[in-house]
PDB file of N, CA and C in Angstrom:
ATOM      1  N   MET A   1      35.234  14.155 -24.804  1.00  0.00           N
ATOM      2  CA  MET A   1      34.881  13.861 -26.186  1.00  0.00           C
ATOM      3  C   MET A   1      34.282  12.458 -26.257  1.00  0.00           C
ATOM      4  N   LEU A   2      33.221  12.330 -27.005  1.00  0.00           N
ATOM      5  CA  LEU A   2      32.564  11.034 -27.133  1.00  0.00           C
ATOM      6  C   LEU A   2      33.311  10.150 -28.120  1.00  0.00           C
ATOM      7  N   SER A   3      33.344   8.871 -27.790  1.00  0.00           N
ATOM      8  CA  SER A   3      34.026   7.931 -28.670  1.00  0.00           C
ATOM      9  C   SER A   3      33.059   7.385 -29.719  1.00  0.00           C
ATOM     10  N   LEU A   4      33.602   6.604 -30.615  1.00  0.00           N
ATOM     11  CA  LEU A   4      32.786   6.011 -31.678  1.00  0.00           C
ATOM     12  C   LEU A   4      31.757   5.040 -31.107  1.00  0.00           C
ATOM     13  N   LYS A   5      32.117   4.308 -30.021  1.00  0.00           N
ATOM     14  CA  LYS A   5      31.172   3.388 -29.394  1.00  0.00           C
ATOM     15  C   LYS A   5      29.990   4.137 -28.786  1.00  0.00           C
ATOM     16  N   ALA A   6      30.265   5.303 -28.229  1.00  0.00           N
ATOM     17  CA  ALA A   6      29.180   6.091 -27.644  1.00  0.00           C
ATOM     18  C   ALA A   6      28.219   6.560 -28.724  1.00  0.00           C
ATOM     19  N   PHE A   7      28.758   6.998 -29.856  1.00  0.00           N
ATOM     20  CA  PHE A   7      27.892   7.419 -30.954  1.00  0.00           C
ATOM     21  C   PHE A   7      27.090   6.247 -31.508  1.00  0.00           C
ATOM     22  N   ALA A   8      27.687   5.050 -31.524  1.00  0.00           N
ATOM     23  CA  ALA A   8      26.969   3.870 -31.998  1.00  0.00           C
ATOM     24  C   ALA A   8      25.808   3.545 -31.066  1.00  0.00           C
ATOM     25  N   LYS A   9      26.027   3.673 -29.765  1.00  0.00           N
ATOM     26  CA  LYS A   9      24.943   3.390 -28.814  1.00  0.00           C
ATOM     27  C   LYS A   9      23.843   4.440 -28.903  1.00  0.00           C
ATOM     28  N   ILE A  10      24.210   5.680 -29.117  1.00  0.00           N
ATOM     29  CA  ILE A  10      23.206   6.730 -29.299  1.00  0.00           C
ATOM     30  C   ILE A  10      22.398   6.467 -30.574  1.00  0.00           C
ATOM     31  N   GLY A  11      23.074   6.097 -31.651  1.00  0.00           N
ATOM     32  CA  GLY A  11      22.392   5.801 -32.911  1.00  0.00           C
ATOM     33  C   GLY A  11      21.483   4.594 -32.799  1.00  0.00           C
ATOM     34  N   ALA A  12      21.917   3.560 -32.067  1.00  0.00           N
ATOM     35  CA  ALA A  12      21.075   2.381 -31.886  1.00  0.00           C
ATOM     36  C   ALA A  12      19.845   2.724 -31.056  1.00  0.00           C
ATOM     37  N   GLY A  13      20.017   3.570 -30.065  1.00  0.00           N
ATOM     38  CA  GLY A  13      18.865   4.004 -29.279  1.00  0.00           C
ATOM     39  C   GLY A  13      17.877   4.792 -30.110  1.00  0.00           C
ATOM     40  N   LEU A  14      18.387   5.647 -30.976  1.00  0.00           N
ATOM     41  CA  LEU A  14      17.502   6.418 -31.847  1.00  0.00           C
ATOM     42  C   LEU A  14      16.810   5.525 -32.875  1.00  0.00           C
ATOM     43  N   ALA A  15      17.480   4.464 -33.289  1.00  0.00           N
ATOM     44  CA  ALA A  15      16.881   3.556 -34.273  1.00  0.00           C
ATOM     45  C   ALA A  15      15.712   2.782 -33.677  1.00  0.00           C
ATOM     46  N   THR A  16      15.678   2.640 -32.361  1.00  0.00           N
ATOM     47  CA  THR A  16      14.586   1.893 -31.741  1.00  0.00           C
ATOM     48  C   THR A  16      13.313   2.715 -31.593  1.00  0.00           C
ATOM     49  N   PHE A  17      13.323   3.994 -31.990  1.00  0.00           N
ATOM     50  CA  PHE A  17      12.089   4.772 -31.963  1.00  0.00           C
ATOM     51  C   PHE A  17      11.051   4.197 -32.932  1.00  0.00           C
ATOM     52  N   GLY A  18      11.496   3.461 -33.921  1.00  0.00           N
ATOM     53  CA  GLY A  18      10.557   2.806 -34.825  1.00  0.00           C
ATOM     54  C   GLY A  18       9.695   1.771 -34.105  1.00  0.00           C
ATOM     55  N   LEU A  19      10.207   1.210 -33.011  1.00  0.00           N
ATOM     56  CA  LEU A  19       9.419   0.248 -32.248  1.00  0.00           C
ATOM     57  C   LEU A  19       8.239   0.936 -31.568  1.00  0.00           C
ATOM     58  N   CYS A  20       8.420   2.159 -31.141  1.00  0.00           N
ATOM     59  CA  CYS A  20       7.300   2.906 -30.536  1.00  0.00           C
ATOM     60  C   CYS A  20       6.211   3.146 -31.568  1.00  0.00           C
ATOM     61  N   GLY A  21       6.595   3.532 -32.756  1.00  0.00           N
ATOM     62  CA  GLY A  21       5.615   3.757 -33.813  1.00  0.00           C
ATOM     63  C   GLY A  21       4.880   2.486 -34.186  1.00  0.00           C
ATOM     64  N   ALA A  22       5.593   1.364 -34.178  1.00  0.00           N
ATOM     65  CA  ALA A  22       4.947   0.091 -34.499  1.00  0.00           C
ATOM     66  C   ALA A  22       3.943  -0.295 -33.418  1.00  0.00           C
ATOM     67  N   GLY A  23       4.287  -0.053 -32.168  1.00  0.00           N
ATOM     68  CA  GLY A  23       3.343  -0.344 -31.090  1.00  0.00           C
ATOM     69  C   GLY A  23       2.082   0.491 -31.191  1.00  0.00           C
ATOM     70  N   ILE A  24       2.237   1.756 -31.527  1.00  0.00           N
ATOM     71  CA  ILE A  24       1.079   2.630 -31.714  1.00  0.00           C
ATOM     72  C   ILE A  24       0.249   2.151 -32.905  1.00  0.00           C
ATOM     73  N   GLY A  25       0.917   1.783 -33.988  1.00  0.00           N
ATOM     74  CA  GLY A  25       0.209   1.305 -35.178  1.00  0.00           C
ATOM     75  C   GLY A  25      -0.570   0.034 -34.921  1.00  0.00           C
ATOM     76  N   ILE A  26       0.005  -0.892 -34.174  1.00  0.00           N
ATOM     77  CA  ILE A  26      -0.690  -2.142 -33.860  1.00  0.00           C
ATOM     78  C   ILE A  26      -1.909  -1.861 -32.987  1.00  0.00           C
ATOM     79  N   GLY A  27      -1.765  -0.943 -32.049  1.00  0.00           N
ATOM     80  CA  GLY A  27      -2.914  -0.569 -31.226  1.00  0.00           C
ATOM     81  C   GLY A  27      -4.032   0.044 -32.041  1.00  0.00           C
ATOM     82  N   ILE A  28      -3.671   0.870 -33.007  1.00  0.00           N
ATOM     83  CA  ILE A  28      -4.686   1.482 -33.869  1.00  0.00           C
ATOM     84  C   ILE A  28      -5.375   0.424 -34.734  1.00  0.00           C
ATOM     85  N   ILE A  29      -4.598  -0.519 -35.247  1.00  0.00           N
ATOM     86  CA  ILE A  29      -5.170  -1.568 -36.107  1.00  0.00           C
ATOM     87  C   ILE A  29      -6.192  -2.396 -35.348  1.00  0.00           C
ATOM     88  N   PHE A  30      -5.817  -2.895 -34.160  1.00  0.00           N
ATOM     89  CA  PHE A  30      -6.741  -3.768 -33.443  1.00  0.00           C
ATOM     90  C   PHE A  30      -7.855  -2.983 -32.757  1.00  0.00           C
ATOM     91  N   GLY A  31      -7.615  -1.730 -32.414  1.00  0.00           N
ATOM     92  CA  GLY A  31      -8.708  -0.896 -31.924  1.00  0.00           C
ATOM     93  C   GLY A  31      -9.753  -0.669 -32.998  1.00  0.00           C
ATOM     94  N   GLY A  32      -9.290  -0.429 -34.231  1.00  0.00           N
ATOM     95  CA  GLY A  32     -10.218  -0.284 -35.357  1.00  0.00           C
ATOM     96  C   GLY A  32     -10.952  -1.576 -35.655  1.00  0.00           C
ATOM     97  N   LEU A  33     -10.255  -2.701 -35.484  1.00  0.00           N
ATOM     98  CA  LEU A  33     -10.907  -3.996 -35.697  1.00  0.00           C
ATOM     99  C   LEU A  33     -12.036  -4.203 -34.695  1.00  0.00           C
ATOM    100  N   LEU A  34     -11.779  -3.921 -33.429  1.00  0.00           N
ATOM    101  CA  LEU A  34     -12.827  -4.090 -32.419  1.00  0.00           C
ATOM    102  C   LEU A  34     -14.006  -3.168 -32.676  1.00  0.00           C
ATOM    103  N   LEU A  35     -13.734  -1.946 -33.068  1.00  0.00           N
ATOM    104  CA  LEU A  35     -14.805  -1.006 -33.366  1.00  0.00           C
ATOM    105  C   LEU A  35     -15.638  -1.473 -34.568  1.00  0.00           C
ATOM    106  N   ALA A  36     -14.953  -1.933 -35.613  1.00  0.00           N
ATOM    107  CA  ALA A  36     -15.663  -2.375 -36.817  1.00  0.00           C
ATOM    108  C   ALA A  36     -16.469  -3.638 -36.564  1.00  0.00           C
ATOM    109  N   VAL A  37     -15.933  -4.583 -35.798  1.00  0.00           N
ATOM    110  CA  VAL A  37     -16.662  -5.825 -35.517  1.00  0.00           C
ATOM    111  C   VAL A  37     -17.859  -5.538 -34.619  1.00  0.00           C
ATOM    112  N   SER A  38     -17.703  -4.589 -33.702  1.00  0.00           N
ATOM    113  CA  SER A  38     -18.845  -4.277 -32.842  1.00  0.00           C
ATOM    114  C   SER A  38     -19.967  -3.603 -33.626  1.00  0.00           C
ATOM    115  N   ARG A  39     -19.635  -2.930 -34.711  1.00  0.00           N
ATOM    116  CA  ARG A  39     -20.672  -2.287 -35.532  1.00  0.00           C
ATOM    117  C   ARG A  39     -21.294  -3.244 -36.537  1.00  0.00           C
ATOM    118  N   ASN A  40     -20.485  -4.187 -37.056  1.00  0.00           N
ATOM    119  CA  ASN A  40     -20.994  -5.092 -38.081  1.00  0.00           C
ATOM    120  C   ASN A  40     -20.363  -6.482 -37.882  1.00  0.00           C
ATOM    121  N   PRO A  41     -20.948  -7.311 -37.002  1.00  0.00           N
ATOM    122  CA  PRO A  41     -20.335  -8.611 -36.687  1.00  0.00           C
ATOM    123  C   PRO A  41     -20.338  -9.612 -37.839  1.00  0.00           C
ATOM    124  N   GLU A  42     -21.158  -9.387 -38.867  1.00  0.00           N
ATOM    125  CA  GLU A  42     -21.233 -10.364 -39.956  1.00  0.00           C
ATOM    126  C   GLU A  42     -19.960 -10.425 -40.785  1.00  0.00           C
ATOM    127  N   VAL A  43     -19.187  -9.381 -40.815  1.00  0.00           N
ATOM    128  CA  VAL A  43     -17.984  -9.356 -41.655  1.00  0.00           C
ATOM    129  C   VAL A  43     -16.713  -9.538 -40.826  1.00  0.00           C
ATOM    130  N   LYS A  44     -16.858 -10.256 -39.706  1.00  0.00           N
ATOM    131  CA  LYS A  44     -15.729 -10.435 -38.784  1.00  0.00           C
ATOM    132  C   LYS A  44     -14.536 -11.126 -39.454  1.00  0.00           C
ATOM    133  N   GLU A  45     -14.793 -12.163 -40.233  1.00  0.00           N
ATOM    134  CA  GLU A  45     -13.696 -12.928 -40.837  1.00  0.00           C
ATOM    135  C   GLU A  45     -12.898 -12.080 -41.825  1.00  0.00           C
ATOM    136  N   ASP A  46     -13.606 -11.322 -42.663  1.00  0.00           N
ATOM    137  CA  ASP A  46     -12.914 -10.469 -43.635  1.00  0.00           C
ATOM    138  C   ASP A  46     -12.106  -9.375 -42.936  1.00  0.00           C
ATOM    139  N   LEU A  47     -12.708  -8.785 -41.918  1.00  0.00           N
ATOM    140  CA  LEU A  47     -12.000  -7.735 -41.187  1.00  0.00           C
ATOM    141  C   LEU A  47     -10.781  -8.293 -40.462  1.00  0.00           C
ATOM    142  N   PHE A  48     -10.917  -9.493 -39.912  1.00  0.00           N
ATOM    143  CA  PHE A  48      -9.802 -10.089 -39.182  1.00  0.00           C
ATOM    144  C   PHE A  48      -8.637 -10.397 -40.112  1.00  0.00           C
ATOM    145  N   ARG A  49      -8.932 -10.874 -41.310  1.00  0.00           N
ATOM    146  CA  ARG A  49      -7.856 -11.132 -42.284  1.00  0.00           C
ATOM    147  C   ARG A  49      -7.110  -9.856 -42.629  1.00  0.00           C
ATOM    148  N   ASN A  50      -7.842  -8.781 -42.853  1.00  0.00           N
ATOM    149  CA  ASN A  50      -7.199  -7.504 -43.163  1.00  0.00           C
ATOM    150  C   ASN A  50      -6.409  -6.977 -41.968  1.00  0.00           C
ATOM    151  N   ALA A  51      -6.927  -7.186 -40.758  1.00  0.00           N
ATOM    152  CA  ALA A  51      -6.224  -6.728 -39.568  1.00  0.00           C
ATOM    153  C   ALA A  51      -4.918  -7.501 -39.382  1.00  0.00           C
ATOM    154  N   ILE A  52      -4.945  -8.788 -39.639  1.00  0.00           N
ATOM    155  CA  ILE A  52      -3.714  -9.582 -39.503  1.00  0.00           C
ATOM    156  C   ILE A  52      -2.687  -9.158 -40.549  1.00  0.00           C
ATOM    157  N   LEU A  53      -3.138  -8.839 -41.751  1.00  0.00           N
ATOM    158  CA  LEU A  53      -2.217  -8.344 -42.776  1.00  0.00           C
ATOM    159  C   LEU A  53      -1.599  -7.023 -42.338  1.00  0.00           C
ATOM    160  N   GLY A  54      -2.418  -6.118 -41.818  1.00  0.00           N
ATOM    161  CA  GLY A  54      -1.894  -4.852 -41.322  1.00  0.00           C
ATOM    162  C   GLY A  54      -0.950  -5.048 -40.155  1.00  0.00           C
ATOM    163  N   PHE A  55      -1.273  -5.999 -39.268  1.00  0.00           N
ATOM    164  CA  PHE A  55      -0.392  -6.310 -38.148  1.00  0.00           C
ATOM    165  C   PHE A  55       0.954  -6.825 -38.637  1.00  0.00           C
ATOM    166  N   ALA A  56       0.948  -7.716 -39.612  1.00  0.00           N
ATOM    167  CA  ALA A  56       2.189  -8.290 -40.128  1.00  0.00           C
ATOM    168  C   ALA A  56       3.070  -7.211 -40.771  1.00  0.00           C
ATOM    169  N   LEU A  57       2.469  -6.327 -41.535  1.00  0.00           N
ATOM    170  CA  LEU A  57       3.247  -5.267 -42.173  1.00  0.00           C
ATOM    171  C   LEU A  57       3.799  -4.284 -41.144  1.00  0.00           C
ATOM    172  N   THR A  58       3.007  -3.965 -40.140  1.00  0.00           N
ATOM    173  CA  THR A  58       3.470  -3.059 -39.091  1.00  0.00           C
ATOM    174  C   THR A  58       4.573  -3.710 -38.270  1.00  0.00           C
ATOM    175  N   GLU A  59       4.426  -4.976 -37.973  1.00  0.00           N
ATOM    176  CA  GLU A  59       5.454  -5.684 -37.212  1.00  0.00           C
ATOM    177  C   GLU A  59       6.734  -5.827 -38.028  1.00  0.00           C
ATOM    178  N   ALA A  60       6.624  -5.927 -39.343  1.00  0.00           N
ATOM    179  CA  ALA A  60       7.822  -5.989 -40.186  1.00  0.00           C
ATOM    180  C   ALA A  60       8.617  -4.694 -40.074  1.00  0.00           C
ATOM    181  N   ILE A  61       7.939  -3.562 -40.003  1.00  0.00           N
ATOM    182  CA  ILE A  61       8.636  -2.291 -39.824  1.00  0.00           C
ATOM    183  C   ILE A  61       9.364  -2.283 -38.491  1.00  0.00           C
ATOM    184  N   ALA A  62       8.726  -2.819 -37.453  1.00  0.00           N
ATOM    185  CA  ALA A  62       9.375  -2.888 -36.141  1.00  0.00           C
ATOM    186  C   ALA A  62      10.606  -3.779 -36.192  1.00  0.00           C
ATOM    187  N   LEU A  63      10.514  -4.899 -36.887  1.00  0.00           N
ATOM    188  CA  LEU A  63      11.672  -5.792 -36.982  1.00  0.00           C
ATOM    189  C   LEU A  63      12.799  -5.165 -37.788  1.00  0.00           C
ATOM    190  N   PHE A  64      12.465  -4.402 -38.825  1.00  0.00           N
ATOM    191  CA  PHE A  64      13.499  -3.687 -39.568  1.00  0.00           C
ATOM    192  C   PHE A  64      14.197  -2.661 -38.683  1.00  0.00           C
ATOM    193  N   SER A  65      13.430  -1.973 -37.880  1.00  0.00           N
ATOM    194  CA  SER A  65      13.995  -0.981 -36.967  1.00  0.00           C
ATOM    195  C   SER A  65      14.931  -1.651 -35.961  1.00  0.00           C
ATOM    196  N   LEU A  66      14.501  -2.776 -35.417  1.00  0.00           N
ATOM    197  CA  LEU A  66      15.341  -3.510 -34.467  1.00  0.00           C
ATOM    198  C   LEU A  66      16.596  -4.048 -35.144  1.00  0.00           C
ATOM    199  N   MET A  67      16.458  -4.507 -36.385  1.00  0.00           N
ATOM    200  CA  MET A  67      17.612  -5.004 -37.122  1.00  0.00           C
ATOM    201  C   MET A  67      18.632  -3.892 -37.361  1.00  0.00           C
ATOM    202  N   VAL A  68      18.159  -2.699 -37.683  1.00  0.00           N
ATOM    203  CA  VAL A  68      19.071  -1.561 -37.898  1.00  0.00           C
ATOM    204  C   VAL A  68      19.794  -1.232 -36.606  1.00  0.00           C
ATOM    205  N   ALA A  69      19.073  -1.277 -35.489  1.00  0.00           N
ATOM    206  CA  ALA A  69      19.715  -1.008 -34.194  1.00  0.00           C
ATOM    207  C   ALA A  69      20.803  -2.032 -33.893  1.00  0.00           C
ATOM    208  N   PHE A  70      20.528  -3.303 -34.151  1.00  0.00           N
ATOM    209  CA  PHE A  70      21.543  -4.334 -33.915  1.00  0.00           C
ATOM    210  C   PHE A  70      22.719  -4.208 -34.875  1.00  0.00           C
ATOM    211  N   LEU A  71      22.434  -3.834 -36.117  1.00  0.00           N
ATOM    212  CA  LEU A  71      23.524  -3.623 -37.067  1.00  0.00           C
ATOM    213  C   LEU A  71      24.430  -2.479 -36.641  1.00  0.00           C
ATOM    214  N   ILE A  72      23.840  -1.429 -36.109  1.00  0.00           N
ATOM    215  CA  ILE A  72      24.635  -0.305 -35.636  1.00  0.00           C
ATOM    216  C   ILE A  72      25.507  -0.737 -34.458  1.00  0.00           C
ATOM    217  N   LEU A  73      24.930  -1.526 -33.556  1.00  0.00           N
ATOM    218  CA  LEU A  73      25.686  -1.917 -32.364  1.00  0.00           C
ATOM    219  C   LEU A  73      26.781  -2.948 -32.642  1.00  0.00           C
ATOM    220  N   PHE A  74      26.480  -3.929 -33.470  1.00  0.00           N
ATOM    221  CA  PHE A  74      27.373  -5.080 -33.592  1.00  0.00           C
ATOM    222  C   PHE A  74      28.111  -5.185 -34.916  1.00  0.00           C
ATOM    223  N   ALA A  75      27.967  -4.226 -35.804  1.00  0.00           N
ATOM    224  CA  ALA A  75      28.673  -4.307 -37.085  1.00  0.00           C
ATOM    225  C   ALA A  75      29.929  -3.480 -37.070  1.00  0.00           C
TER     226      ALA A  75
END
């Protein structure tokens, strides 16, 4: 029979799946940035600002996921 600690470790591992999604999202954001800048270099600054905003929001989701995993393990 599994103990409560084992279930907590399983839950923390499952909570870290959000980090995989964040990594994929960041790759999509900067891949789109490179594609857009290569097509229209004049709007590089505007595109870069939007890409950084998207990166920050995506990274915030990853940090929330990591925080939930730590809360499950250590609370």
